[in-house]
Amino acid sequence: MSDHPQIDPKRTGVKAHLTYSVDSVGADHIIRGVPGGMTPITNNRGVIEGFTIACPGCGVWGGISFVASEHFTNPWRVTGGSVLDVTTLSVMDSILKHCCGWHGYLRNGVFESC
């Protein structure tokens, strides 16, 4: 298990980073990662269609999708950078994480709180 920063729904300046592992299960039995961690979600052709993101405020895993579906009726749009390098990525619209209430943007690979 790794140590995680305290929950902060206003945390800003969290750098996006690529990760392929779940970091820990907290005492609350919720799976958490290091805030700002991003794991690609790919289709059967290997095309990145979104990311699973460790919430910048609390580290709870959740997703954003670039493709409309039953769960994502308003998909996010890549507005800058590359999905192949999350440290450069910018997306629109804002990201709202219900786990702790973190709300903000991913701009140039940095999660910025509203």
PDB file of N, CA and C in Angstrom:
ATOM      1  N   MET A   1       0.831  -1.179   0.000  1.00  0.00           N
ATOM      2  CA  MET A   1       0.000   0.000   0.000  1.00  0.00           C
ATOM      3  C   MET A   1       0.878   1.245   0.000  1.00  0.00           C
ATOM      4  N   SER A   2       0.406   2.269  -0.668  1.00  0.00           N
ATOM      5  CA  SER A   2       1.148   3.520  -0.670  1.00  0.00           C
ATOM      6  C   SER A   2       0.387   4.557   0.146  1.00  0.00           C
ATOM      7  N   ASP A   3       1.124   5.555   0.625  1.00  0.00           N
ATOM      8  CA  ASP A   3       0.496   6.643   1.364  1.00  0.00           C
ATOM      9  C   ASP A   3      -0.054   7.656   0.371  1.00  0.00           C
ATOM     10  N   HIS A   4      -1.224   8.176   0.683  1.00  0.00           N
ATOM     11  CA  HIS A   4      -1.860   9.164  -0.179  1.00  0.00           C
ATOM     12  C   HIS A   4      -2.035  10.461   0.582  1.00  0.00           C
ATOM     13  N   PRO A   5      -1.991  11.576  -0.125  1.00  0.00           N
ATOM     14  CA  PRO A   5      -2.237  12.847   0.556  1.00  0.00           C
ATOM     15  C   PRO A   5      -3.663  12.886   1.096  1.00  0.00           C
ATOM     16  N   GLN A   6      -3.893  13.765   2.044  1.00  0.00           N
ATOM     17  CA  GLN A   6      -5.241  13.927   2.581  1.00  0.00           C
ATOM     18  C   GLN A   6      -6.185  14.345   1.467  1.00  0.00           C
ATOM     19  N   ILE A   7      -7.460  14.042   1.642  1.00  0.00           N
ATOM     20  CA  ILE A   7      -8.480  14.426   0.672  1.00  0.00           C
ATOM     21  C   ILE A   7      -8.591  15.945   0.660  1.00  0.00           C
ATOM     22  N   ASP A   8      -8.540  16.512  -0.538  1.00  0.00           N
ATOM     23  CA  ASP A   8      -8.644  17.962  -0.700  1.00  0.00           C
ATOM     24  C   ASP A   8      -9.387  18.250  -2.000  1.00  0.00           C
ATOM     25  N   PRO A   9     -10.706  18.494  -1.930  1.00  0.00           N
ATOM     26  CA  PRO A   9     -11.486  18.722  -3.143  1.00  0.00           C
ATOM     27  C   PRO A   9     -11.144  20.027  -3.863  1.00  0.00           C
ATOM     28  N   LYS A  10     -10.275  20.846  -3.294  1.00  0.00           N
ATOM     29  CA  LYS A  10      -9.823  22.084  -3.953  1.00  0.00           C
ATOM     30  C   LYS A  10      -8.370  21.984  -4.411  1.00  0.00           C
ATOM     31  N   ARG A  11      -7.767  20.779  -4.283  1.00  0.00           N
ATOM     32  CA  ARG A  11      -6.362  20.614  -4.663  1.00  0.00           C
ATOM     33  C   ARG A  11      -6.181  21.011  -6.122  1.00  0.00           C
ATOM     34  N   THR A  12      -5.150  21.765  -6.398  1.00  0.00           N
ATOM     35  CA  THR A  12      -4.880  22.225  -7.749  1.00  0.00           C
ATOM     36  C   THR A  12      -3.400  22.054  -8.054  1.00  0.00           C
ATOM     37  N   GLY A  13      -3.066  22.069  -9.333  1.00  0.00           N
ATOM     38  CA  GLY A  13      -1.674  21.922  -9.735  1.00  0.00           C
ATOM     39  C   GLY A  13      -1.173  20.493  -9.730  1.00  0.00           C
ATOM     40  N   VAL A  14      -2.089  19.514  -9.740  1.00  0.00           N
ATOM     41  CA  VAL A  14      -1.705  18.103  -9.738  1.00  0.00           C
ATOM     42  C   VAL A  14      -1.288  17.705 -11.150  1.00  0.00           C
ATOM     43  N   LYS A  15      -0.078  17.215 -11.285  1.00  0.00           N
ATOM     44  CA  LYS A  15       0.420  16.818 -12.612  1.00  0.00           C
ATOM     45  C   LYS A  15      -0.125  15.454 -13.007  1.00  0.00           C
ATOM     46  N   ALA A  16      -0.611  15.380 -14.231  1.00  0.00           N
ATOM     47  CA  ALA A  16      -1.070  14.106 -14.781  1.00  0.00           C
ATOM     48  C   ALA A  16       0.133  13.202 -14.998  1.00  0.00           C
ATOM     49  N   HIS A  17      -0.060  11.920 -14.726  1.00  0.00           N
ATOM     50  CA  HIS A  17       1.004  10.950 -14.981  1.00  0.00           C
ATOM     51  C   HIS A  17       0.379   9.617 -15.373  1.00  0.00           C
ATOM     52  N   LEU A  18       1.043   8.931 -16.257  1.00  0.00           N
ATOM     53  CA  LEU A  18       0.567   7.646 -16.754  1.00  0.00           C
ATOM     54  C   LEU A  18       0.856   6.571 -15.727  1.00  0.00           C
ATOM     55  N   THR A  19      -0.126   5.727 -15.466  1.00  0.00           N
ATOM     56  CA  THR A  19       0.057   4.621 -14.538  1.00  0.00           C
ATOM     57  C   THR A  19      -0.767   3.436 -15.034  1.00  0.00           C
ATOM     58  N   TYR A  20      -0.322   2.257 -14.714  1.00  0.00           N
ATOM     59  CA  TYR A  20      -1.048   1.044 -15.101  1.00  0.00           C
ATOM     60  C   TYR A  20      -1.357   0.177 -13.906  1.00  0.00           C
ATOM     61  N   SER A  21      -1.251   0.746 -12.700  1.00  0.00           N
ATOM     62  CA  SER A  21      -1.504  -0.088 -11.527  1.00  0.00           C
ATOM     63  C   SER A  21      -2.405   0.625 -10.538  1.00  0.00           C
ATOM     64  N   VAL A  22      -3.195  -0.168  -9.841  1.00  0.00           N
ATOM     65  CA  VAL A  22      -3.996   0.326  -8.733  1.00  0.00           C
ATOM     66  C   VAL A  22      -3.046   0.379  -7.552  1.00  0.00           C
ATOM     67  N   ASP A  23      -3.066   1.484  -6.828  1.00  0.00           N
ATOM     68  CA  ASP A  23      -2.075   1.664  -5.781  1.00  0.00           C
ATOM     69  C   ASP A  23      -2.459   1.052  -4.442  1.00  0.00           C
ATOM     70  N   SER A  24      -3.691   1.225  -4.006  1.00  0.00           N
ATOM     71  CA  SER A  24      -4.053   0.683  -2.701  1.00  0.00           C
ATOM     72  C   SER A  24      -5.561   0.663  -2.522  1.00  0.00           C
ATOM     73  N   VAL A  25      -5.968  -0.116  -1.536  1.00  0.00           N
ATOM     74  CA  VAL A  25      -7.353  -0.100  -1.087  1.00  0.00           C
ATOM     75  C   VAL A  25      -7.314   0.533   0.289  1.00  0.00           C
ATOM     76  N   GLY A  26      -8.005   1.656   0.441  1.00  0.00           N
ATOM     77  CA  GLY A  26      -7.980   2.388   1.697  1.00  0.00           C
ATOM     78  C   GLY A  26      -8.781   1.688   2.774  1.00  0.00           C
ATOM     79  N   ALA A  27      -8.708   2.253   3.976  1.00  0.00           N
ATOM     80  CA  ALA A  27      -9.446   1.708   5.107  1.00  0.00           C
ATOM     81  C   ALA A  27     -10.947   1.701   4.828  1.00  0.00           C
ATOM     82  N   ASP A  28     -11.385   2.573   3.920  1.00  0.00           N
ATOM     83  CA  ASP A  28     -12.797   2.635   3.552  1.00  0.00           C
ATOM     84  C   ASP A  28     -13.152   1.633   2.451  1.00  0.00           C
ATOM     85  N   HIS A  29     -12.176   0.797   2.056  1.00  0.00           N
ATOM     86  CA  HIS A  29     -12.332  -0.238   1.033  1.00  0.00           C
ATOM     87  C   HIS A  29     -12.562   0.342  -0.366  1.00  0.00           C
ATOM     88  N   ILE A  30     -12.204   1.590  -0.545  1.00  0.00           N
ATOM     89  CA  ILE A  30     -12.298   2.228  -1.856  1.00  0.00           C
ATOM     90  C   ILE A  30     -10.928   2.167  -2.509  1.00  0.00           C
ATOM     91  N   ILE A  31     -10.903   1.791  -3.772  1.00  0.00           N
ATOM     92  CA  ILE A  31      -9.639   1.691  -4.498  1.00  0.00           C
ATOM     93  C   ILE A  31      -9.164   3.096  -4.848  1.00  0.00           C
ATOM     94  N   ARG A  32      -7.949   3.403  -4.440  1.00  0.00           N
ATOM     95  CA  ARG A  32      -7.372   4.725  -4.659  1.00  0.00           C
ATOM     96  C   ARG A  32      -6.041   4.610  -5.389  1.00  0.00           C
ATOM     97  N   GLY A  33      -5.726   5.658  -6.110  1.00  0.00           N
ATOM     98  CA  GLY A  33      -4.434   5.774  -6.762  1.00  0.00           C
ATOM     99  C   GLY A  33      -3.784   7.067  -6.324  1.00  0.00           C
ATOM    100  N   VAL A  34      -2.605   7.319  -6.837  1.00  0.00           N
ATOM    101  CA  VAL A  34      -1.937   8.586  -6.574  1.00  0.00           C
ATOM    102  C   VAL A  34      -2.671   9.648  -7.383  1.00  0.00           C
ATOM    103  N   PRO A  35      -3.160  10.718  -6.731  1.00  0.00           N
ATOM    104  CA  PRO A  35      -3.910  11.741  -7.457  1.00  0.00           C
ATOM    105  C   PRO A  35      -3.214  12.178  -8.749  1.00  0.00           C
ATOM    106  N   GLY A  36      -4.013  12.228  -9.832  1.00  0.00           N
ATOM    107  CA  GLY A  36      -3.492  12.604 -11.142  1.00  0.00           C
ATOM    108  C   GLY A  36      -3.059  11.431 -12.008  1.00  0.00           C
ATOM    109  N   GLY A  37      -3.085  10.219 -11.455  1.00  0.00           N
ATOM    110  CA  GLY A  37      -2.743   9.033 -12.239  1.00  0.00           C
ATOM    111  C   GLY A  37      -3.769   8.801 -13.339  1.00  0.00           C
ATOM    112  N   MET A  38      -3.305   8.421 -14.507  1.00  0.00           N
ATOM    113  CA  MET A  38      -4.201   8.187 -15.646  1.00  0.00           C
ATOM    114  C   MET A  38      -3.832   6.883 -16.338  1.00  0.00           C
ATOM    115  N   THR A  39      -4.829   6.046 -16.581  1.00  0.00           N
ATOM    116  CA  THR A  39      -4.656   4.784 -17.298  1.00  0.00           C
ATOM    117  C   THR A  39      -5.537   4.827 -18.540  1.00  0.00           C
ATOM    118  N   PRO A  40      -4.966   4.588 -19.729  1.00  0.00           N
ATOM    119  CA  PRO A  40      -5.774   4.652 -20.953  1.00  0.00           C
ATOM    120  C   PRO A  40      -6.851   3.577 -21.010  1.00  0.00           C
ATOM    121  N   ILE A  41      -7.979   3.954 -21.594  1.00  0.00           N
ATOM    122  CA  ILE A  41      -9.052   3.014 -21.920  1.00  0.00           C
ATOM    123  C   ILE A  41      -9.018   2.880 -23.437  1.00  0.00           C
ATOM    124  N   THR A  42      -8.793   1.664 -23.927  1.00  0.00           N
ATOM    125  CA  THR A  42      -8.672   1.463 -25.369  1.00  0.00           C
ATOM    126  C   THR A  42      -9.806   0.590 -25.899  1.00  0.00           C
ATOM    127  N   ASN A  43     -10.094   0.765 -27.185  1.00  0.00           N
ATOM    128  CA  ASN A  43     -11.075  -0.106 -27.825  1.00  0.00           C
ATOM    129  C   ASN A  43     -10.372  -1.363 -28.330  1.00  0.00           C
ATOM    130  N   ASN A  44     -11.086  -2.230 -29.013  1.00  0.00           N
ATOM    131  CA  ASN A  44     -10.501  -3.508 -29.468  1.00  0.00           C
ATOM    132  C   ASN A  44      -9.471  -3.328 -30.581  1.00  0.00           C
ATOM    133  N   ARG A  45      -9.319  -2.123 -31.098  1.00  0.00           N
ATOM    134  CA  ARG A  45      -8.282  -1.826 -32.099  1.00  0.00           C
ATOM    135  C   ARG A  45      -7.085  -1.109 -31.481  1.00  0.00           C
ATOM    136  N   GLY A  46      -7.115  -0.934 -30.144  1.00  0.00           N
ATOM    137  CA  GLY A  46      -6.008  -0.286 -29.450  1.00  0.00           C
ATOM    138  C   GLY A  46      -6.059   1.229 -29.469  1.00  0.00           C
ATOM    139  N   VAL A  47      -7.177   1.818 -29.921  1.00  0.00           N
ATOM    140  CA  VAL A  47      -7.328   3.271 -29.966  1.00  0.00           C
ATOM    141  C   VAL A  47      -7.773   3.765 -28.595  1.00  0.00           C
ATOM    142  N   ILE A  48      -7.104   4.788 -28.075  1.00  0.00           N
ATOM    143  CA  ILE A  48      -7.461   5.347 -26.776  1.00  0.00           C
ATOM    144  C   ILE A  48      -8.779   6.103 -26.899  1.00  0.00           C
ATOM    145  N   GLU A  49      -9.773   5.665 -26.101  1.00  0.00           N
ATOM    146  CA  GLU A  49     -11.103   6.281 -26.130  1.00  0.00           C
ATOM    147  C   GLU A  49     -11.419   7.036 -24.850  1.00  0.00           C
ATOM    148  N   GLY A  50     -10.492   7.063 -23.917  1.00  0.00           N
ATOM    149  CA  GLY A  50     -10.693   7.760 -22.657  1.00  0.00           C
ATOM    150  C   GLY A  50      -9.622   7.346 -21.669  1.00  0.00           C
ATOM    151  N   PHE A  51      -9.827   7.752 -20.424  1.00  0.00           N
ATOM    152  CA  PHE A  51      -8.873   7.419 -19.374  1.00  0.00           C
ATOM    153  C   PHE A  51      -9.607   7.126 -18.077  1.00  0.00           C
ATOM    154  N   THR A  52      -9.034   6.222 -17.298  1.00  0.00           N
ATOM    155  CA  THR A  52      -9.400   6.081 -15.909  1.00  0.00           C
ATOM    156  C   THR A  52      -8.453   7.010 -15.169  1.00  0.00           C
ATOM    157  N   ILE A  53      -9.017   7.855 -14.292  1.00  0.00           N
ATOM    158  CA  ILE A  53      -8.228   8.888 -13.623  1.00  0.00           C
ATOM    159  C   ILE A  53      -8.335   8.722 -12.113  1.00  0.00           C
ATOM    160  N   ALA A  54      -7.190   8.813 -11.424  1.00  0.00           N
ATOM    161  CA  ALA A  54      -7.192   8.882  -9.960  1.00  0.00           C
ATOM    162  C   ALA A  54      -7.501  10.334  -9.607  1.00  0.00           C
ATOM    163  N   CYS A  55      -8.640  10.556  -8.984  1.00  0.00           N
ATOM    164  CA  CYS A  55      -9.136  11.894  -8.673  1.00  0.00           C
ATOM    165  C   CYS A  55      -8.027  12.775  -8.097  1.00  0.00           C
ATOM    166  N   PRO A  56      -7.868  13.990  -8.636  1.00  0.00           N
ATOM    167  CA  PRO A  56      -6.868  14.913  -8.097  1.00  0.00           C
ATOM    168  C   PRO A  56      -7.126  15.301  -6.633  1.00  0.00           C
ATOM    169  N   GLY A  57      -8.377  15.180  -6.186  1.00  0.00           N
ATOM    170  CA  GLY A  57      -8.705  15.547  -4.814  1.00  0.00           C
ATOM    171  C   GLY A  57      -8.539  14.437  -3.797  1.00  0.00           C
ATOM    172  N   CYS A  58      -8.801  13.182  -4.229  1.00  0.00           N
ATOM    173  CA  CYS A  58      -8.773  12.090  -3.247  1.00  0.00           C
ATOM    174  C   CYS A  58      -8.167  10.782  -3.761  1.00  0.00           C
ATOM    175  N   GLY A  59      -7.917  10.670  -5.046  1.00  0.00           N
ATOM    176  CA  GLY A  59      -7.298   9.461  -5.587  1.00  0.00           C
ATOM    177  C   GLY A  59      -8.255   8.348  -5.979  1.00  0.00           C
ATOM    178  N   VAL A  60      -9.574   8.514  -5.757  1.00  0.00           N
ATOM    179  CA  VAL A  60     -10.526   7.479  -6.145  1.00  0.00           C
ATOM    180  C   VAL A  60     -10.581   7.399  -7.668  1.00  0.00           C
ATOM    181  N   TRP A  61     -10.550   6.183  -8.182  1.00  0.00           N
ATOM    182  CA  TRP A  61     -10.536   5.964  -9.627  1.00  0.00           C
ATOM    183  C   TRP A  61     -11.909   6.207 -10.246  1.00  0.00           C
ATOM    184  N   GLY A  62     -11.927   6.863 -11.407  1.00  0.00           N
ATOM    185  CA  GLY A  62     -13.136   7.109 -12.178  1.00  0.00           C
ATOM    186  C   GLY A  62     -12.722   7.406 -13.613  1.00  0.00           C
ATOM    187  N   GLY A  63     -13.679   7.532 -14.506  1.00  0.00           N
ATOM    188  CA  GLY A  63     -13.311   7.648 -15.911  1.00  0.00           C
ATOM    189  C   GLY A  63     -13.778   8.907 -16.601  1.00  0.00           C
ATOM    190  N   ILE A  64     -13.082   9.214 -17.690  1.00  0.00           N
ATOM    191  CA  ILE A  64     -13.557  10.178 -18.678  1.00  0.00           C
ATOM    192  C   ILE A  64     -13.480   9.482 -20.024  1.00  0.00           C
ATOM    193  N   SER A  65     -14.415   9.790 -20.889  1.00  0.00           N
ATOM    194  CA  SER A  65     -14.482   9.137 -22.192  1.00  0.00           C
ATOM    195  C   SER A  65     -14.528  10.182 -23.292  1.00  0.00           C
ATOM    196  N   PHE A  66     -13.900   9.852 -24.413  1.00  0.00           N
ATOM    197  CA  PHE A  66     -13.938  10.710 -25.597  1.00  0.00           C
ATOM    198  C   PHE A  66     -14.996  10.232 -26.585  1.00  0.00           C
ATOM    199  N   VAL A  67     -15.733   9.178 -26.213  1.00  0.00           N
ATOM    200  CA  VAL A  67     -16.732   8.565 -27.081  1.00  0.00           C
ATOM    201  C   VAL A  67     -18.073   8.538 -26.338  1.00  0.00           C
ATOM    202  N   ALA A  68     -19.135   8.972 -26.994  1.00  0.00           N
ATOM    203  CA  ALA A  68     -20.466   8.939 -26.382  1.00  0.00           C
ATOM    204  C   ALA A  68     -20.886   7.480 -26.172  1.00  0.00           C
ATOM    205  N   SER A  69     -21.532   7.241 -25.030  1.00  0.00           N
ATOM    206  CA  SER A  69     -22.018   5.894 -24.721  1.00  0.00           C
ATOM    207  C   SER A  69     -23.178   6.029 -23.739  1.00  0.00           C
ATOM    208  N   GLU A  70     -23.663   4.899 -23.280  1.00  0.00           N
ATOM    209  CA  GLU A  70     -24.743   4.881 -22.300  1.00  0.00           C
ATOM    210  C   GLU A  70     -24.337   5.623 -21.017  1.00  0.00           C
ATOM    211  N   HIS A  71     -23.053   5.489 -20.625  1.00  0.00           N
ATOM    212  CA  HIS A  71     -22.565   6.091 -19.389  1.00  0.00           C
ATOM    213  C   HIS A  71     -22.011   7.498 -19.578  1.00  0.00           C
ATOM    214  N   PHE A  72     -21.589   7.830 -20.770  1.00  0.00           N
ATOM    215  CA  PHE A  72     -20.999   9.133 -21.060  1.00  0.00           C
ATOM    216  C   PHE A  72     -21.757   9.775 -22.211  1.00  0.00           C
ATOM    217  N   THR A  73     -22.843  10.460 -21.896  1.00  0.00           N
ATOM    218  CA  THR A  73     -23.649  11.067 -22.958  1.00  0.00           C
ATOM    219  C   THR A  73     -23.019  12.349 -23.490  1.00  0.00           C
ATOM    220  N   ASN A  74     -22.172  12.977 -22.699  1.00  0.00           N
ATOM    221  CA  ASN A  74     -21.439  14.167 -23.125  1.00  0.00           C
ATOM    222  C   ASN A  74     -19.947  13.881 -23.032  1.00  0.00           C
ATOM    223  N   PRO A  75     -19.358  13.288 -24.050  1.00  0.00           N
ATOM    224  CA  PRO A  75     -17.939  12.936 -23.956  1.00  0.00           C
ATOM    225  C   PRO A  75     -17.048  14.177 -23.920  1.00  0.00           C
ATOM    226  N   TRP A  76     -15.878  14.010 -23.328  1.00  0.00           N
ATOM    227  CA  TRP A  76     -14.892  15.076 -23.286  1.00  0.00           C
ATOM    228  C   TRP A  76     -14.212  15.188 -24.644  1.00  0.00           C
ATOM    229  N   ARG A  77     -13.683  16.365 -24.943  1.00  0.00           N
ATOM    230  CA  ARG A  77     -12.967  16.608 -26.192  1.00  0.00           C
ATOM    231  C   ARG A  77     -11.505  16.918 -25.886  1.00  0.00           C
ATOM    232  N   VAL A  78     -10.614  16.336 -26.672  1.00  0.00           N
ATOM    233  CA  VAL A  78      -9.197  16.679 -26.564  1.00  0.00           C
ATOM    234  C   VAL A  78      -9.027  18.026 -27.251  1.00  0.00           C
ATOM    235  N   THR A  79      -8.505  19.009 -26.515  1.00  0.00           N
ATOM    236  CA  THR A  79      -8.330  20.349 -27.074  1.00  0.00           C
ATOM    237  C   THR A  79      -6.862  20.730 -27.224  1.00  0.00           C
ATOM    238  N   GLY A  80      -5.975  19.888 -26.730  1.00  0.00           N
ATOM    239  CA  GLY A  80      -4.553  20.165 -26.861  1.00  0.00           C
ATOM    240  C   GLY A  80      -3.732  18.989 -26.406  1.00  0.00           C
ATOM    241  N   GLY A  81      -2.488  18.988 -26.822  1.00  0.00           N
ATOM    242  CA  GLY A  81      -1.594  17.909 -26.442  1.00  0.00           C
ATOM    243  C   GLY A  81      -1.955  16.610 -27.142  1.00  0.00           C
ATOM    244  N   SER A  82      -1.565  15.514 -26.527  1.00  0.00           N
ATOM    245  CA  SER A  82      -1.746  14.198 -27.137  1.00  0.00           C
ATOM    246  C   SER A  82      -2.198  13.185 -26.102  1.00  0.00           C
ATOM    247  N   VAL A  83      -3.119  12.305 -26.502  1.00  0.00           N
ATOM    248  CA  VAL A  83      -3.534  11.215 -25.607  1.00  0.00           C
ATOM    249  C   VAL A  83      -2.393  10.240 -25.367  1.00  0.00           C
ATOM    250  N   LEU A  84      -1.375  10.291 -26.204  1.00  0.00           N
ATOM    251  CA  LEU A  84      -0.218   9.412 -26.036  1.00  0.00           C
ATOM    252  C   LEU A  84       0.762   9.944 -24.998  1.00  0.00           C
ATOM    253  N   ASP A  85       0.598  11.214 -24.599  1.00  0.00           N
ATOM    254  CA  ASP A  85       1.456  11.829 -23.589  1.00  0.00           C
ATOM    255  C   ASP A  85       0.584  12.669 -22.669  1.00  0.00           C
ATOM    256  N   VAL A  86       0.131  12.078 -21.563  1.00  0.00           N
ATOM    257  CA  VAL A  86      -0.814  12.770 -20.674  1.00  0.00           C
ATOM    258  C   VAL A  86      -0.221  14.020 -20.048  1.00  0.00           C
ATOM    259  N   THR A  87       1.093  14.158 -20.041  1.00  0.00           N
ATOM    260  CA  THR A  87       1.715  15.357 -19.476  1.00  0.00           C
ATOM    261  C   THR A  87       1.504  16.576 -20.367  1.00  0.00           C
ATOM    262  N   THR A  88       0.935  16.381 -21.545  1.00  0.00           N
ATOM    263  CA  THR A  88       0.653  17.483 -22.475  1.00  0.00           C
ATOM    264  C   THR A  88      -0.836  17.672 -22.709  1.00  0.00           C
ATOM    265  N   LEU A  89      -1.659  16.786 -22.183  1.00  0.00           N
ATOM    266  CA  LEU A  89      -3.066  16.690 -22.557  1.00  0.00           C
ATOM    267  C   LEU A  89      -3.929  17.807 -21.965  1.00  0.00           C
ATOM    268  N   SER A  90      -4.823  18.349 -22.795  1.00  0.00           N
ATOM    269  CA  SER A  90      -5.869  19.275 -22.360  1.00  0.00           C
ATOM    270  C   SER A  90      -7.192  18.733 -22.866  1.00  0.00           C
ATOM    271  N   VAL A  91      -8.228  18.781 -22.005  1.00  0.00           N
ATOM    272  CA  VAL A  91      -9.560  18.326 -22.408  1.00  0.00           C
ATOM    273  C   VAL A  91     -10.601  19.358 -21.996  1.00  0.00           C
ATOM    274  N   MET A  92     -11.707  19.328 -22.690  1.00  0.00           N
ATOM    275  CA  MET A  92     -12.880  20.142 -22.365  1.00  0.00           C
ATOM    276  C   MET A  92     -14.038  19.175 -22.320  1.00  0.00           C
ATOM    277  N   ASP A  93     -14.921  19.272 -21.541  1.00  0.00           N
ATOM    278  CA  ASP A  93     -15.297  20.274 -20.581  1.00  0.00           C
ATOM    279  C   ASP A  93     -14.599  19.995 -19.260  1.00  0.00           C
ATOM    280  N   SER A  94     -15.111  20.663 -18.216  1.00  0.00           N
ATOM    281  CA  SER A  94     -14.545  20.448 -16.893  1.00  0.00           C
ATOM    282  C   SER A  94     -14.810  19.004 -16.444  1.00  0.00           C
ATOM    283  N   ILE A  95     -14.063  18.613 -15.429  1.00  0.00           N
ATOM    284  CA  ILE A  95     -14.185  17.272 -14.855  1.00  0.00           C
ATOM    285  C   ILE A  95     -14.735  17.435 -13.445  1.00  0.00           C
ATOM    286  N   LEU A  96     -15.841  16.749 -13.155  1.00  0.00           N
ATOM    287  CA  LEU A  96     -16.424  16.771 -11.820  1.00  0.00           C
ATOM    288  C   LEU A  96     -16.334  15.363 -11.252  1.00  0.00           C
ATOM    289  N   LYS A  97     -15.645  15.238 -10.143  1.00  0.00           N
ATOM    290  CA  LYS A  97     -15.496  13.938  -9.492  1.00  0.00           C
ATOM    291  C   LYS A  97     -16.438  13.894  -8.292  1.00  0.00           C
ATOM    292  N   HIS A  98     -17.381  12.969  -8.312  1.00  0.00           N
ATOM    293  CA  HIS A  98     -18.388  12.881  -7.260  1.00  0.00           C
ATOM    294  C   HIS A  98     -17.837  12.282  -5.970  1.00  0.00           C
ATOM    295  N   CYS A  99     -16.699  11.627  -6.043  1.00  0.00           N
ATOM    296  CA  CYS A  99     -16.132  10.969  -4.862  1.00  0.00           C
ATOM    297  C   CYS A  99     -15.862  11.970  -3.735  1.00  0.00           C
ATOM    298  N   CYS A 100     -15.237  13.098  -4.053  1.00  0.00           N
ATOM    299  CA  CYS A 100     -14.937  14.098  -3.022  1.00  0.00           C
ATOM    300  C   CYS A 100     -15.419  15.488  -3.417  1.00  0.00           C
ATOM    301  N   GLY A 101     -15.956  15.611  -4.638  1.00  0.00           N
ATOM    302  CA  GLY A 101     -16.448  16.899  -5.105  1.00  0.00           C
ATOM    303  C   GLY A 101     -15.419  17.727  -5.853  1.00  0.00           C
ATOM    304  N   TRP A 102     -14.244  17.132  -6.154  1.00  0.00           N
ATOM    305  CA  TRP A 102     -13.239  17.885  -6.913  1.00  0.00           C
ATOM    306  C   TRP A 102     -13.834  18.268  -8.261  1.00  0.00           C
ATOM    307  N   HIS A 103     -13.624  19.516  -8.655  1.00  0.00           N
ATOM    308  CA  HIS A 103     -14.127  20.015  -9.931  1.00  0.00           C
ATOM    309  C   HIS A 103     -13.055  20.900 -10.531  1.00  0.00           C
ATOM    310  N   GLY A 104     -12.704  20.618 -11.779  1.00  0.00           N
ATOM    311  CA  GLY A 104     -11.677  21.420 -12.418  1.00  0.00           C
ATOM    312  C   GLY A 104     -11.430  21.001 -13.847  1.00  0.00           C
ATOM    313  N   TYR A 105     -10.266  21.358 -14.338  1.00  0.00           N
ATOM    314  CA  TYR A 105      -9.890  21.139 -15.727  1.00  0.00           C
ATOM    315  C   TYR A 105      -8.556  20.418 -15.811  1.00  0.00           C
ATOM    316  N   LEU A 106      -8.365  19.713 -16.920  1.00  0.00           N
ATOM    317  CA  LEU A 106      -7.059  19.159 -17.265  1.00  0.00           C
ATOM    318  C   LEU A 106      -6.522  20.024 -18.391  1.00  0.00           C
ATOM    319  N   ARG A 107      -5.488  20.790 -18.082  1.00  0.00           N
ATOM    320  CA  ARG A 107      -4.887  21.703 -19.065  1.00  0.00           C
ATOM    321  C   ARG A 107      -3.387  21.488 -19.099  1.00  0.00           C
ATOM    322  N   ASN A 108      -2.878  21.211 -20.284  1.00  0.00           N
ATOM    323  CA  ASN A 108      -1.436  21.024 -20.464  1.00  0.00           C
ATOM    324  C   ASN A 108      -0.849  20.037 -19.449  1.00  0.00           C
ATOM    325  N   GLY A 109      -1.609  18.961 -19.202  1.00  0.00           N
ATOM    326  CA  GLY A 109      -1.129  17.905 -18.323  1.00  0.00           C
ATOM    327  C   GLY A 109      -1.190  18.220 -16.842  1.00  0.00           C
ATOM    328  N   VAL A 110      -1.931  19.264 -16.457  1.00  0.00           N
ATOM    329  CA  VAL A 110      -2.055  19.638 -15.055  1.00  0.00           C
ATOM    330  C   VAL A 110      -3.541  19.772 -14.714  1.00  0.00           C
ATOM    331  N   PHE A 111      -3.944  19.138 -13.604  1.00  0.00           N
ATOM    332  CA  PHE A 111      -5.315  19.252 -13.120  1.00  0.00           C
ATOM    333  C   PHE A 111      -5.422  20.528 -12.294  1.00  0.00           C
ATOM    334  N   GLU A 112      -6.293  21.434 -12.738  1.00  0.00           N
ATOM    335  CA  GLU A 112      -6.480  22.723 -12.067  1.00  0.00           C
ATOM    336  C   GLU A 112      -7.886  22.779 -11.499  1.00  0.00           C
ATOM    337  N   SER A 113      -8.002  23.060 -10.215  1.00  0.00           N
ATOM    338  CA  SER A 113      -9.292  23.161  -9.559  1.00  0.00           C
ATOM    339  C   SER A 113     -10.005  24.440  -9.967  1.00  0.00           C
ATOM    340  N   CYS A 114     -11.345  24.368 -10.023  1.00  0.00           N
ATOM    341  CA  CYS A 114     -12.143  25.578 -10.311  1.00  0.00           C
ATOM    342  C   CYS A 114     -12.174  26.472  -9.094  1.00  0.00           C
TER     343      CYS A 114
END
